[in-house]
Every structure is written in structure tokens, then in C-alpha cells.
PDB file of N, CA and C in Angstrom:
ATOM      1  N   UNK A   1      -9.074  -7.172   5.899  1.00  0.00           N
ATOM      2  CA  UNK A   1      -7.978  -6.110   6.086  1.00  0.00           C
ATOM      3  C   UNK A   1      -7.638  -6.019   7.698  1.00  0.00           C
ATOM      4  N   UNK A   2      -8.204  -6.269   8.399  1.00  0.00           N
ATOM      5  CA  UNK A   2      -7.954  -6.020   9.749  1.00  0.00           C
ATOM      6  C   UNK A   2      -7.798  -4.573  10.249  1.00  0.00           C
ATOM      7  N   UNK A   3      -8.274  -3.562   9.430  1.00  0.00           N
ATOM      8  CA  UNK A   3      -8.025  -2.101   9.924  1.00  0.00           C
ATOM      9  C   UNK A   3      -9.350  -1.745  10.304  1.00  0.00           C
ATOM     10  N   UNK A   4      -9.290  -1.000  11.573  1.00  0.00           N
ATOM     11  CA  UNK A   4     -10.291  -0.361  12.111  1.00  0.00           C
ATOM     12  C   UNK A   4     -10.565   1.164  11.645  1.00  0.00           C
ATOM     13  N   UNK A   5     -11.551   1.809  11.180  1.00  0.00           N
ATOM     14  CA  UNK A   5     -11.802   2.996  10.923  1.00  0.00           C
ATOM     15  C   UNK A   5     -11.961   3.206   9.424  1.00  0.00           C
ATOM     16  N   UNK A   6     -11.747   4.110   8.723  1.00  0.00           N
ATOM     17  CA  UNK A   6     -12.278   4.273   7.144  1.00  0.00           C
ATOM     18  C   UNK A   6     -10.769   4.041   6.524  1.00  0.00           C
ATOM     19  N   UNK A   7     -11.067   3.491   5.316  1.00  0.00           N
ATOM     20  CA  UNK A   7     -10.280   3.044   4.109  1.00  0.00           C
ATOM     21  C   UNK A   7     -10.295   4.029   3.064  1.00  0.00           C
ATOM     22  N   UNK A   8      -9.151   4.605   2.269  1.00  0.00           N
ATOM     23  CA  UNK A   8      -9.581   5.300   1.044  1.00  0.00           C
ATOM     24  C   UNK A   8      -8.582   4.379   0.312  1.00  0.00           C
ATOM     25  N   UNK A   9      -9.057   3.677  -0.958  1.00  0.00           N
ATOM     26  CA  UNK A   9      -8.134   2.989  -1.800  1.00  0.00           C
ATOM     27  C   UNK A   9      -7.877   3.689  -3.404  1.00  0.00           C
ATOM     28  N   UNK A  10      -6.598   3.981  -3.434  1.00  0.00           N
ATOM     29  CA  UNK A  10      -6.262   4.658  -4.921  1.00  0.00           C
ATOM     30  C   UNK A  10      -5.389   3.425  -5.438  1.00  0.00           C
ATOM     31  N   UNK A  11      -5.733   2.218  -5.896  1.00  0.00           N
ATOM     32  CA  UNK A  11      -4.971   1.236  -6.256  1.00  0.00           C
ATOM     33  C   UNK A  11      -5.297   0.742  -7.587  1.00  0.00           C
ATOM     34  N   UNK A  12      -3.967   0.907  -8.377  1.00  0.00           N
ATOM     35  CA  UNK A  12      -4.299   0.469 -10.050  1.00  0.00           C
ATOM     36  C   UNK A  12      -3.595  -0.636 -10.239  1.00  0.00           C
ATOM     37  N   UNK A  13      -2.327  -0.981  -9.245  1.00  0.00           N
ATOM     38  CA  UNK A  13      -1.535  -2.116  -9.594  1.00  0.00           C
ATOM     39  C   UNK A  13      -1.190  -2.686  -8.098  1.00  0.00           C
ATOM     40  N   UNK A  14      -1.632  -3.817  -7.855  1.00  0.00           N
ATOM     41  CA  UNK A  14      -1.702  -4.541  -6.383  1.00  0.00           C
ATOM     42  C   UNK A  14      -0.301  -5.072  -6.036  1.00  0.00           C
ATOM     43  N   UNK A  15       0.478  -4.975  -7.332  1.00  0.00           N
ATOM     44  CA  UNK A  15       2.059  -5.298  -6.704  1.00  0.00           C
ATOM     45  C   UNK A  15       2.799  -3.980  -6.349  1.00  0.00           C
ATOM     46  N   UNK A  16       2.260  -3.071  -6.268  1.00  0.00           N
ATOM     47  CA  UNK A  16       2.964  -1.875  -5.781  1.00  0.00           C
ATOM     48  C   UNK A  16       2.196  -1.014  -4.889  1.00  0.00           C
ATOM     49  N   UNK A  17       1.596  -1.352  -3.700  1.00  0.00           N
ATOM     50  CA  UNK A  17       0.932  -0.870  -2.872  1.00  0.00           C
ATOM     51  C   UNK A  17       1.587  -0.162  -1.603  1.00  0.00           C
ATOM     52  N   UNK A  18       1.268   1.017  -1.198  1.00  0.00           N
ATOM     53  CA  UNK A  18       1.896   1.427   0.290  1.00  0.00           C
ATOM     54  C   UNK A  18       0.625   1.815   1.091  1.00  0.00           C
ATOM     55  N   UNK A  19       1.072   1.565   2.344  1.00  0.00           N
ATOM     56  CA  UNK A  19      -0.417   1.744   3.396  1.00  0.00           C
ATOM     57  C   UNK A  19       0.291   3.086   4.272  1.00  0.00           C
ATOM     58  N   UNK A  20      -0.639   4.231   4.079  1.00  0.00           N
ATOM     59  CA  UNK A  20      -0.356   5.257   5.028  1.00  0.00           C
ATOM     60  C   UNK A  20      -1.577   5.377   5.823  1.00  0.00           C
ATOM     61  N   UNK A  21      -1.176   5.168   7.153  1.00  0.00           N
ATOM     62  CA  UNK A  21      -2.269   5.731   8.304  1.00  0.00           C
ATOM     63  C   UNK A  21      -2.063   7.206   8.265  1.00  0.00           C
ATOM     64  N   UNK A  22      -3.441   7.822   8.624  1.00  0.00           N
ATOM     65  CA  UNK A  22      -3.336   9.273   8.789  1.00  0.00           C
ATOM     66  C   UNK A  22      -3.624   9.573  10.324  1.00  0.00           C
ATOM     67  N   UNK A  23      -3.397  10.627  10.611  1.00  0.00           N
ATOM     68  CA  UNK A  23      -3.852  11.169  11.857  1.00  0.00           C
ATOM     69  C   UNK A  23      -5.157  11.425  12.084  1.00  0.00           C
ATOM     70  N   UNK A  24      -6.106  11.477  11.038  1.00  0.00           N
ATOM     71  CA  UNK A  24      -7.426  11.566  10.831  1.00  0.00           C
ATOM     72  C   UNK A  24      -8.288  10.449  11.153  1.00  0.00           C
ATOM     73  N   UNK A  25      -7.590   9.180  11.431  1.00  0.00           N
ATOM     74  CA  UNK A  25      -8.305   7.915  11.251  1.00  0.00           C
ATOM     75  C   UNK A  25      -8.384   6.954  10.078  1.00  0.00           C
ATOM     76  N   UNK A  26      -7.839   7.704   9.053  1.00  0.00           N
ATOM     77  CA  UNK A  26      -8.067   7.122   7.748  1.00  0.00           C
ATOM     78  C   UNK A  26      -6.810   6.181   7.631  1.00  0.00           C
ATOM     79  N   UNK A  27      -6.852   5.172   6.700  1.00  0.00           N
ATOM     80  CA  UNK A  27      -5.749   4.469   6.052  1.00  0.00           C
ATOM     81  C   UNK A  27      -5.761   4.622   4.468  1.00  0.00           C
ATOM     82  N   UNK A  28      -4.925   5.276   4.245  1.00  0.00           N
ATOM     83  CA  UNK A  28      -4.678   5.309   2.612  1.00  0.00           C
ATOM     84  C   UNK A  28      -3.855   4.089   1.900  1.00  0.00           C
ATOM     85  N   UNK A  29      -4.538   3.740   1.025  1.00  0.00           N
ATOM     86  CA  UNK A  29      -3.749   2.567   0.175  1.00  0.00           C
ATOM     87  C   UNK A  29      -3.766   2.993  -1.201  1.00  0.00           C
ATOM     88  N   UNK A  30      -2.094   3.303  -1.592  1.00  0.00           N
ATOM     89  CA  UNK A  30      -1.981   3.879  -3.009  1.00  0.00           C
ATOM     90  C   UNK A  30      -1.133   3.014  -3.455  1.00  0.00           C
ATOM     91  N   UNK A  31      -1.009   3.066  -5.007  1.00  0.00           N
ATOM     92  CA  UNK A  31      -0.157   2.415  -5.741  1.00  0.00           C
ATOM     93  C   UNK A  31       0.642   3.270  -6.658  1.00  0.00           C
ATOM     94  N   UNK A  32       1.525   3.733  -6.057  1.00  0.00           N
ATOM     95  CA  UNK A  32       2.678   4.688  -6.883  1.00  0.00           C
ATOM     96  C   UNK A  32       3.563   4.140  -7.696  1.00  0.00           C
ATOM     97  N   UNK A  33       3.886   4.761  -9.031  1.00  0.00           N
ATOM     98  CA  UNK A  33       4.633   3.975  -9.953  1.00  0.00           C
ATOM     99  C   UNK A  33       5.974   3.645  -9.085  1.00  0.00           C
ATOM    100  N   UNK A  34       6.518   4.544  -8.230  1.00  0.00           N
ATOM    101  CA  UNK A  34       7.759   4.048  -7.662  1.00  0.00           C
ATOM    102  C   UNK A  34       7.768   4.233  -5.937  1.00  0.00           C
ATOM    103  N   UNK A  35       7.116   3.024  -5.520  1.00  0.00           N
ATOM    104  CA  UNK A  35       6.766   3.141  -4.296  1.00  0.00           C
ATOM    105  C   UNK A  35       7.794   3.551  -3.315  1.00  0.00           C
ATOM    106  N   UNK A  36       9.113   3.008  -3.343  1.00  0.00           N
ATOM    107  CA  UNK A  36      10.096   3.355  -2.552  1.00  0.00           C
ATOM    108  C   UNK A  36      10.520   4.935  -2.401  1.00  0.00           C
ATOM    109  N   UNK A  37      10.467   5.373  -3.578  1.00  0.00           N
ATOM    110  CA  UNK A  37      10.729   6.826  -3.894  1.00  0.00           C
ATOM    111  C   UNK A  37       9.497   7.565  -3.156  1.00  0.00           C
ATOM    112  N   UNK A  38       8.559   7.241  -3.328  1.00  0.00           N
ATOM    113  CA  UNK A  38       7.256   7.699  -2.871  1.00  0.00           C
ATOM    114  C   UNK A  38       7.303   7.918  -1.308  1.00  0.00           C
ATOM    115  N   UNK A  39       7.846   6.768  -0.732  1.00  0.00           N
ATOM    116  CA  UNK A  39       7.807   6.839   0.700  1.00  0.00           C
ATOM    117  C   UNK A  39       8.937   7.655   1.402  1.00  0.00           C
ATOM    118  N   UNK A  40      10.117   7.460   0.659  1.00  0.00           N
ATOM    119  CA  UNK A  40      11.205   8.295   0.904  1.00  0.00           C
ATOM    120  C   UNK A  40      10.834   9.860   0.822  1.00  0.00           C
ATOM    121  N   UNK A  41      10.146  10.186  -0.164  1.00  0.00           N
ATOM    122  CA  UNK A  41       9.561  11.695  -0.357  1.00  0.00           C
ATOM    123  C   UNK A  41       8.634  12.137   0.785  1.00  0.00           C
ATOM    124  N   UNK A  42       7.784  11.222   1.196  1.00  0.00           N
ATOM    125  CA  UNK A  42       6.858  11.625   2.498  1.00  0.00           C
ATOM    126  C   UNK A  42       7.528  11.532   3.831  1.00  0.00           C
ATOM    127  N   UNK A  43       8.450  10.657   3.801  1.00  0.00           N
ATOM    128  CA  UNK A  43       9.300  10.725   5.206  1.00  0.00           C
ATOM    129  C   UNK A  43      10.102  12.002   5.328  1.00  0.00           C
ATOM    130  N   UNK A  44      10.645  12.465   4.058  1.00  0.00           N
ATOM    131  CA  UNK A  44      11.470  13.591   4.173  1.00  0.00           C
ATOM    132  C   UNK A  44      10.556  14.832   4.454  1.00  0.00           C
ATOM    133  N   UNK A  45       9.509  14.856   4.217  1.00  0.00           N
ATOM    134  CA  UNK A  45       8.343  16.033   4.410  1.00  0.00           C
ATOM    135  C   UNK A  45       7.960  16.060   5.814  1.00  0.00           C
ATOM    136  N   UNK A  46       7.927  14.604   6.386  1.00  0.00           N
ATOM    137  CA  UNK A  46       7.411  14.452   7.718  1.00  0.00           C
ATOM    138  C   UNK A  46       8.123  14.794   8.930  1.00  0.00           C
TER     139      UNK A  46
END
């Protein structure tokens, strides 16, 4: 994967994966039902 640090994977559908780096050094890989909406919601809170 080429990522240094820790990874947390919550993937049930490999066709809908979003990658989210955290300020704690983790990289989250999630597969939400609606990836674009999920990312927009996170961006709106950040």
C-alpha cells in the first residue's frame, strides 16, 4: 500500500473505498454506501 504508520480497514466493498488520513498517524480505509456523500459530509465538518 505504500503507507507508513498504522492502517485501520473497514472494507466490505472494494469498489467503494475512501482513504482518510488522520492527525494521529492512522490511515482509515472505509467502504461507505455512498462514498461521495460521505466525503462531502466529512469536508463540511472539517
